[in-house]
């Protein structure tokens, strides 16, 4: 069962969220957020295949490998992509992770870091470091905190994008909740997009990674807005097992139910990205050809068989890790 209006009952157990405005966005809007699990969670992720990759992506890939797919939190900022910033940008991302780990009580290798925004501008690290102690203290397992996180990751988006789903397993209700940002440069190689899904299901990292890879091919990898690719894109799933249900095993009915729920959340987020960009383009331009291209990709996604043009068919699915 898919939900768009999130409530307290929609949230998975054992996760907390927080967001603040640390000054990265010129508007003064929310721009720094944390999604954390109370216990180490199985993690899976897919990343951009762009030739130029931002420091946060490189660090997140390495941490996912070194932790063998067990993570505790993700720290994300908007307003600055920390890309094309050289050694200083890499050091800034590492410092962000180290400070966040200290505040959250985990190791740096248990953290993922994501950034989105302007490319080629040095990251104002001091603003993030000043805000991290406060945001870490104010994490809450509430729908309002999750809504603030979904708003904080936005850049050119006109609205936040959220979705939730649930299913029953062994007498326990399993919850999945997700949020995403992305308004332009959306392409089957994921382009400028961040998406985070949290679930209280119990599932091994390797099976979670395979499941995410399969679901991505039918959802996020089936949309295109303008054919551009970018440098920072991350789709992350954390599964902490706090629902109290048995571990999900491949080939069983529980895995089929979990896959369906994850696909519902990812499809909803992907369609919201396409719909938002279509609305924005209808306001800014009268080029009907672009609208037809967006519509074709959106309709293909709804049929679960993406109808991509020849120039898009050459774009293969996102690389998966672990």
Protein backbone atom coordinates (compact mmCIF):
# COMPACT_ATOMS: atom_id res chain seq x y z
CA UNK A 1 0.00 0.00 0.00
CA UNK A 2 1.55 3.27 -1.17
CA UNK A 3 1.15 6.55 0.73
CA UNK A 4 2.09 10.09 -0.33
CA UNK A 5 0.85 12.02 2.74
CA UNK A 6 3.16 10.75 5.44
CA UNK A 7 2.06 10.27 9.04
CA UNK A 8 3.75 9.03 12.17
CA UNK A 9 2.36 5.58 11.43
CA UNK A 10 4.12 5.56 8.04
CA UNK A 11 7.60 5.76 9.53
CA UNK A 12 9.83 2.71 10.01
CA UNK A 13 10.94 1.96 13.54
CA UNK A 14 14.39 2.89 14.74
CA UNK A 15 15.11 5.87 12.46
CA UNK A 16 15.50 9.52 13.35
CA UNK A 17 15.67 12.60 11.17
CA UNK A 18 16.70 16.24 11.48
CA UNK A 19 17.33 19.27 9.30
CA UNK A 20 18.54 22.82 9.78
CA UNK A 21 19.57 25.92 7.87
CA UNK A 22 23.33 26.35 8.19
CA UNK A 23 23.74 29.06 5.54
CA UNK A 24 24.61 27.11 2.39
CA UNK A 25 21.49 28.30 0.57
CA UNK A 26 21.33 32.01 -0.13
CA UNK A 27 17.63 31.99 0.70
CA UNK A 28 18.27 30.87 4.28
CA UNK A 29 16.19 27.73 3.73
CA UNK A 30 16.90 24.32 5.26
CA UNK A 31 20.11 22.95 3.74
CA UNK A 32 21.69 20.36 6.08
CA UNK A 33 20.06 17.09 7.15
CA UNK A 34 20.75 13.78 8.88
CA UNK A 35 18.97 10.46 8.49
CA UNK A 36 20.17 8.00 11.14
CA UNK A 37 19.37 4.51 12.39
CA UNK A 38 19.41 3.67 16.08
CA UNK A 39 21.27 0.45 15.22
CA UNK A 40 23.66 -0.33 12.36
CA UNK A 41 21.60 -1.00 9.26
CA UNK A 42 22.10 -3.02 6.11
CA UNK A 43 22.86 -0.56 3.32
CA UNK A 44 22.70 -0.60 -0.45
CA UNK A 45 23.31 2.21 -2.93
CA UNK A 46 23.67 3.07 -6.58
CA UNK A 47 25.60 6.10 -7.82
CA UNK A 48 26.06 8.24 -10.89
CA UNK A 49 28.18 6.90 -13.75
CA UNK A 50 29.32 10.37 -14.76
CA UNK A 51 33.03 10.53 -15.63
CA UNK A 52 33.49 13.44 -13.21
CA UNK A 53 32.43 12.34 -9.72
CA UNK A 54 32.15 14.52 -6.63
CA UNK A 55 34.10 13.85 -3.44
CA UNK A 56 31.01 12.78 -1.42
CA UNK A 57 30.29 10.01 -3.95
CA UNK A 58 33.84 8.70 -3.80
CA UNK A 59 33.81 8.67 0.00
CA UNK A 60 30.37 7.05 0.21
CA UNK A 61 31.44 4.29 -2.18
CA UNK A 62 34.53 3.58 -0.13
CA UNK A 63 32.62 3.53 3.16
CA UNK A 64 29.99 1.21 1.73
CA UNK A 65 32.75 -1.20 0.68
CA UNK A 66 34.82 -0.99 3.86
CA UNK A 67 31.79 -1.43 6.15
CA UNK A 68 30.61 -4.43 4.10
CA UNK A 69 27.23 -2.77 3.70
CA UNK A 70 26.52 -1.82 7.31
CA UNK A 71 25.83 1.88 7.86
CA UNK A 72 24.39 4.05 10.62
CA UNK A 73 23.53 7.36 8.98
CA UNK A 74 23.74 9.69 6.02
CA UNK A 75 24.62 13.38 6.23
CA UNK A 76 23.45 15.48 3.29
CA UNK A 77 23.81 19.14 2.40
CA UNK A 78 22.15 21.18 -0.35
CA UNK A 79 23.32 24.40 -1.92
CA UNK A 80 26.85 23.24 -2.68
CA UNK A 81 27.78 20.04 -4.56
CA UNK A 82 31.38 19.93 -3.29
CA UNK A 83 32.42 18.89 -6.80
CA UNK A 84 35.43 20.07 -8.82
CA UNK A 85 36.86 21.43 -5.57
CA UNK A 86 40.07 19.38 -5.56
CA UNK A 87 41.85 18.03 -2.52
CA UNK A 88 40.24 20.66 -0.31
CA UNK A 89 36.78 19.40 -1.23
CA UNK A 90 37.72 15.80 -0.48
CA UNK A 91 39.15 16.85 2.88
CA UNK A 92 35.99 18.83 3.65
CA UNK A 93 33.78 15.80 3.02
CA UNK A 94 36.02 13.63 5.23
CA UNK A 95 35.92 16.24 7.98
CA UNK A 96 32.13 16.38 7.75
CA UNK A 97 31.95 12.60 8.15
CA UNK A 98 34.39 12.58 11.08
CA UNK A 99 32.53 15.29 12.97
CA UNK A 100 29.14 13.71 12.32
CA UNK A 101 30.40 10.30 13.47
CA UNK A 102 31.63 11.81 16.72
CA UNK A 103 28.24 13.41 17.34
CA UNK A 104 26.27 10.27 16.41
CA UNK A 105 28.45 7.79 18.31
CA UNK A 106 29.54 5.66 15.36
CA UNK A 107 32.65 5.24 13.25
CA UNK A 108 33.24 7.45 10.19
CA UNK A 109 33.08 4.33 7.98
CA UNK A 110 29.46 3.85 9.08
CA UNK A 111 28.45 7.16 7.51
CA UNK A 112 27.53 8.17 3.99
CA UNK A 113 27.85 11.78 2.89
CA UNK A 114 25.91 13.45 0.07
CA UNK A 115 25.98 16.93 -1.41
CA UNK A 116 23.94 18.70 -4.07
CA UNK A 117 23.98 22.20 -5.46
CA UNK A 118 26.42 24.47 -7.21
CA UNK A 119 29.51 22.84 -8.76
CA UNK A 120 33.01 24.29 -8.58
CA UNK A 121 32.51 26.43 -5.48
CA UNK A 122 34.46 25.57 -2.29
CA UNK A 123 32.26 24.01 0.38
CA UNK A 124 31.84 26.38 3.38
CA UNK A 125 32.88 23.66 5.81
CA UNK A 126 32.81 25.89 8.88
CA UNK A 127 29.05 26.40 8.46
CA UNK A 128 28.44 22.64 8.41
CA UNK A 129 30.73 21.95 11.38
CA UNK A 130 29.03 24.65 13.40
CA UNK A 131 25.58 23.17 12.72
CA UNK A 132 26.33 19.45 13.15
CA UNK A 133 26.24 19.33 16.98
CA UNK A 134 22.86 21.05 17.01
CA UNK A 135 21.29 18.93 14.28
CA UNK A 136 22.59 15.72 15.83
CA UNK A 137 20.92 16.60 19.14
CA UNK A 138 17.61 17.42 17.51
CA UNK A 139 17.06 14.18 15.58
CA UNK A 140 13.51 12.92 16.06
CA UNK A 141 11.51 9.86 14.89
CA UNK A 142 8.70 12.11 13.67
CA UNK A 143 6.87 12.78 10.42
CA UNK A 144 7.64 16.48 10.79
CA UNK A 145 11.38 15.81 11.04
CA UNK A 146 11.23 13.57 7.98
CA UNK A 147 9.34 16.26 6.08
CA UNK A 148 12.02 18.79 7.01
CA UNK A 149 14.73 16.41 5.76
CA UNK A 150 12.90 15.99 2.45
CA UNK A 151 12.72 19.78 2.12
CA UNK A 152 16.34 20.37 3.12
CA UNK A 153 17.73 18.27 0.26
CA UNK A 154 15.89 20.31 -2.40
CA UNK A 155 17.72 22.75 -4.67
CA UNK A 156 15.77 23.84 -7.76
CA UNK A 157 12.83 21.60 -6.82
CA UNK A 158 9.50 23.35 -6.48
CA UNK A 159 8.36 20.92 -3.80
CA UNK A 160 9.71 17.98 -1.75
CA UNK A 161 9.06 14.44 -2.93
CA UNK A 162 8.14 11.71 -0.46
CA UNK A 163 6.54 8.26 -0.55
CA UNK A 164 5.85 5.41 1.85
CA UNK A 165 4.71 1.81 1.64
CA UNK A 166 4.17 -1.12 4.00
CA UNK A 167 3.43 -4.83 4.01
CA UNK A 168 2.82 -7.59 6.54
CA UNK A 169 5.38 -10.27 7.34
CA UNK A 170 5.10 -12.88 10.10
CA UNK A 171 2.52 -10.80 11.92
CA UNK A 172 4.66 -7.65 11.79
CA UNK A 173 4.09 -4.60 9.62
CA UNK A 174 7.18 -3.59 7.66
CA UNK A 175 7.45 0.09 6.75
CA UNK A 176 9.38 1.84 3.99
CA UNK A 177 9.64 5.60 3.63
CA UNK A 178 11.54 7.55 1.01
CA UNK A 179 12.35 11.07 -0.17
CA UNK A 180 14.05 12.42 -3.26
CA UNK A 181 15.24 15.60 -4.89
CA UNK A 182 15.69 16.28 -8.57
CA UNK A 183 14.28 18.81 -11.01
CA UNK A 184 16.73 19.00 -13.92
CA UNK A 185 19.50 16.93 -15.49
CA UNK A 186 17.50 13.73 -14.87
CA UNK A 187 18.62 10.85 -17.09
CA UNK A 188 18.82 7.04 -16.89
CA UNK A 189 22.33 7.51 -15.44
CA UNK A 190 20.59 9.26 -12.55
CA UNK A 191 21.89 12.79 -13.23
CA UNK A 192 21.23 15.38 -10.53
CA UNK A 193 19.23 13.33 -8.08
CA UNK A 194 19.41 12.20 -4.48
CA UNK A 195 17.02 9.64 -3.01
CA UNK A 196 16.93 8.00 0.40
CA UNK A 197 14.79 5.07 1.54
CA UNK A 198 14.60 3.82 5.12
CA UNK A 199 12.94 0.57 6.17
CA UNK A 200 12.65 -1.46 9.36
CA UNK A 201 12.87 -4.72 7.40
CA UNK A 202 15.66 -7.18 8.21
CA UNK A 203 17.62 -8.13 5.08
CA UNK A 204 21.26 -8.95 4.35
CA UNK A 205 23.29 -6.21 2.60
CA UNK A 206 24.04 -8.41 -0.40
CA UNK A 207 20.37 -9.26 -1.02
CA UNK A 208 19.38 -5.64 -0.42
CA UNK A 209 21.95 -4.51 -2.99
CA UNK A 210 20.70 -6.96 -5.62
CA UNK A 211 17.10 -6.00 -4.94
CA UNK A 212 17.87 -2.28 -5.21
CA UNK A 213 19.79 -2.84 -8.44
CA UNK A 214 16.82 -4.66 -9.97
CA UNK A 215 14.28 -2.09 -8.74
CA UNK A 216 16.39 0.83 -9.98
CA UNK A 217 16.35 -0.57 -13.49
CA UNK A 218 12.54 -0.48 -13.49
CA UNK A 219 12.14 2.93 -11.83
CA UNK A 220 14.84 5.60 -11.61
CA UNK A 221 16.73 4.24 -14.61
CA UNK A 222 13.56 4.48 -16.71
CA UNK A 223 13.17 8.27 -16.55
CA UNK A 224 14.77 11.06 -18.53
CA UNK A 225 14.04 14.78 -18.49
CA UNK A 226 16.78 16.51 -20.47
CA UNK A 227 19.46 13.91 -21.24
CA UNK A 228 22.10 15.51 -19.03
CA UNK A 229 24.20 13.68 -16.47
CA UNK A 230 25.73 14.95 -13.26
CA UNK A 231 28.29 14.24 -10.56
CA UNK A 232 26.70 13.63 -7.16
CA UNK A 233 23.79 11.26 -7.61
CA UNK A 234 23.04 8.72 -4.93
CA UNK A 235 20.14 6.37 -4.27
CA UNK A 236 20.49 4.84 -0.81
CA UNK A 237 18.47 2.27 1.12
CA UNK A 238 18.97 1.57 4.84
CA UNK A 239 17.27 -1.47 6.44
CA UNK A 240 17.66 -1.80 10.22
CA UNK A 241 15.44 -4.79 11.08
CA UNK A 242 13.70 -2.95 13.92
CA UNK A 243 10.24 -4.16 12.91
CA UNK A 244 11.09 -7.41 14.67
CA UNK A 245 10.23 -9.66 11.72
CA UNK A 246 12.48 -12.51 10.54
CA UNK A 247 15.20 -11.74 8.04
CA UNK A 248 14.04 -11.63 4.44
CA UNK A 249 15.43 -14.43 2.28
CA UNK A 250 15.76 -14.55 -1.49
CA UNK A 251 13.05 -16.41 -3.37
CA UNK A 252 10.52 -16.35 -0.56
CA UNK A 253 7.18 -14.56 -0.43
CA UNK A 254 8.62 -12.03 2.02
CA UNK A 255 11.26 -11.03 -0.51
CA UNK A 256 8.65 -10.63 -3.22
CA UNK A 257 6.57 -8.43 -0.92
CA UNK A 258 9.60 -6.35 0.04
CA UNK A 259 10.63 -5.93 -3.59
CA UNK A 260 7.13 -4.80 -4.52
CA UNK A 261 7.05 -2.26 -1.68
CA UNK A 262 10.50 -0.89 -2.52
CA UNK A 263 9.51 -0.64 -6.18
CA UNK A 264 6.33 1.25 -5.27
CA UNK A 265 8.31 3.81 -3.27
CA UNK A 266 10.98 4.22 -5.96
CA UNK A 267 8.43 4.45 -8.76
CA UNK A 268 6.45 7.08 -6.89
CA UNK A 269 9.56 9.18 -6.27
CA UNK A 270 10.70 8.81 -9.88
CA UNK A 271 7.31 9.85 -11.23
CA UNK A 272 7.21 12.83 -8.87
CA UNK A 273 10.57 13.97 -10.26
CA UNK A 274 9.30 13.75 -13.83
CA UNK A 275 5.98 15.42 -12.98
CA UNK A 276 7.68 18.30 -11.19
CA UNK A 277 10.00 18.98 -14.10
CA UNK A 278 7.14 18.76 -16.57
CA UNK A 279 5.21 21.37 -14.58
CA UNK A 280 8.25 23.60 -14.41
CA UNK A 281 8.88 23.33 -18.14
CA UNK A 282 5.27 24.10 -18.96
CA UNK A 283 5.67 27.35 -17.08
CA UNK A 284 9.00 28.30 -18.64
CA UNK A 285 8.84 27.14 -22.23
CA UNK A 286 6.46 26.33 -25.05
CA UNK A 287 8.77 23.73 -26.67
CA UNK A 288 6.30 20.88 -27.03
CA UNK A 289 9.00 18.46 -28.15
CA UNK A 290 10.53 18.40 -24.69
CA UNK A 291 7.13 17.82 -23.12
CA UNK A 292 6.51 14.87 -25.44
CA UNK A 293 9.88 13.35 -24.47
CA UNK A 294 9.13 13.65 -20.75
CA UNK A 295 5.64 12.22 -21.23
CA UNK A 296 6.95 9.21 -23.18
CA UNK A 297 9.42 8.35 -20.45
CA UNK A 298 6.80 8.81 -17.75
CA UNK A 299 4.27 6.61 -19.54
CA UNK A 300 6.92 3.95 -20.12
CA UNK A 301 7.72 3.94 -16.41
CA UNK A 302 4.07 3.44 -15.52
CA UNK A 303 4.01 0.39 -17.81
CA UNK A 304 7.18 -0.88 -16.09
CA UNK A 305 8.77 -1.06 -19.57
CA UNK A 306 10.67 2.18 -20.19
CA UNK A 307 10.24 3.36 -23.79
CA UNK A 308 13.60 5.00 -24.43
CA UNK A 309 14.89 6.43 -27.70
CA UNK A 310 17.98 5.02 -29.46
CA UNK A 311 20.27 7.56 -27.82
CA UNK A 312 19.02 6.45 -24.41
CA UNK A 313 19.13 2.70 -25.02
CA UNK A 314 22.92 2.92 -25.05
CA UNK A 315 22.78 4.08 -21.43
CA UNK A 316 23.00 1.02 -19.26
CA UNK A 317 21.75 0.56 -15.70
CA UNK A 318 23.58 2.16 -12.82
CA UNK A 319 26.57 0.34 -11.45
CA UNK A 320 25.87 -1.33 -8.16
CA UNK A 321 28.35 -1.85 -5.35
CA UNK A 322 29.18 -4.63 -2.84
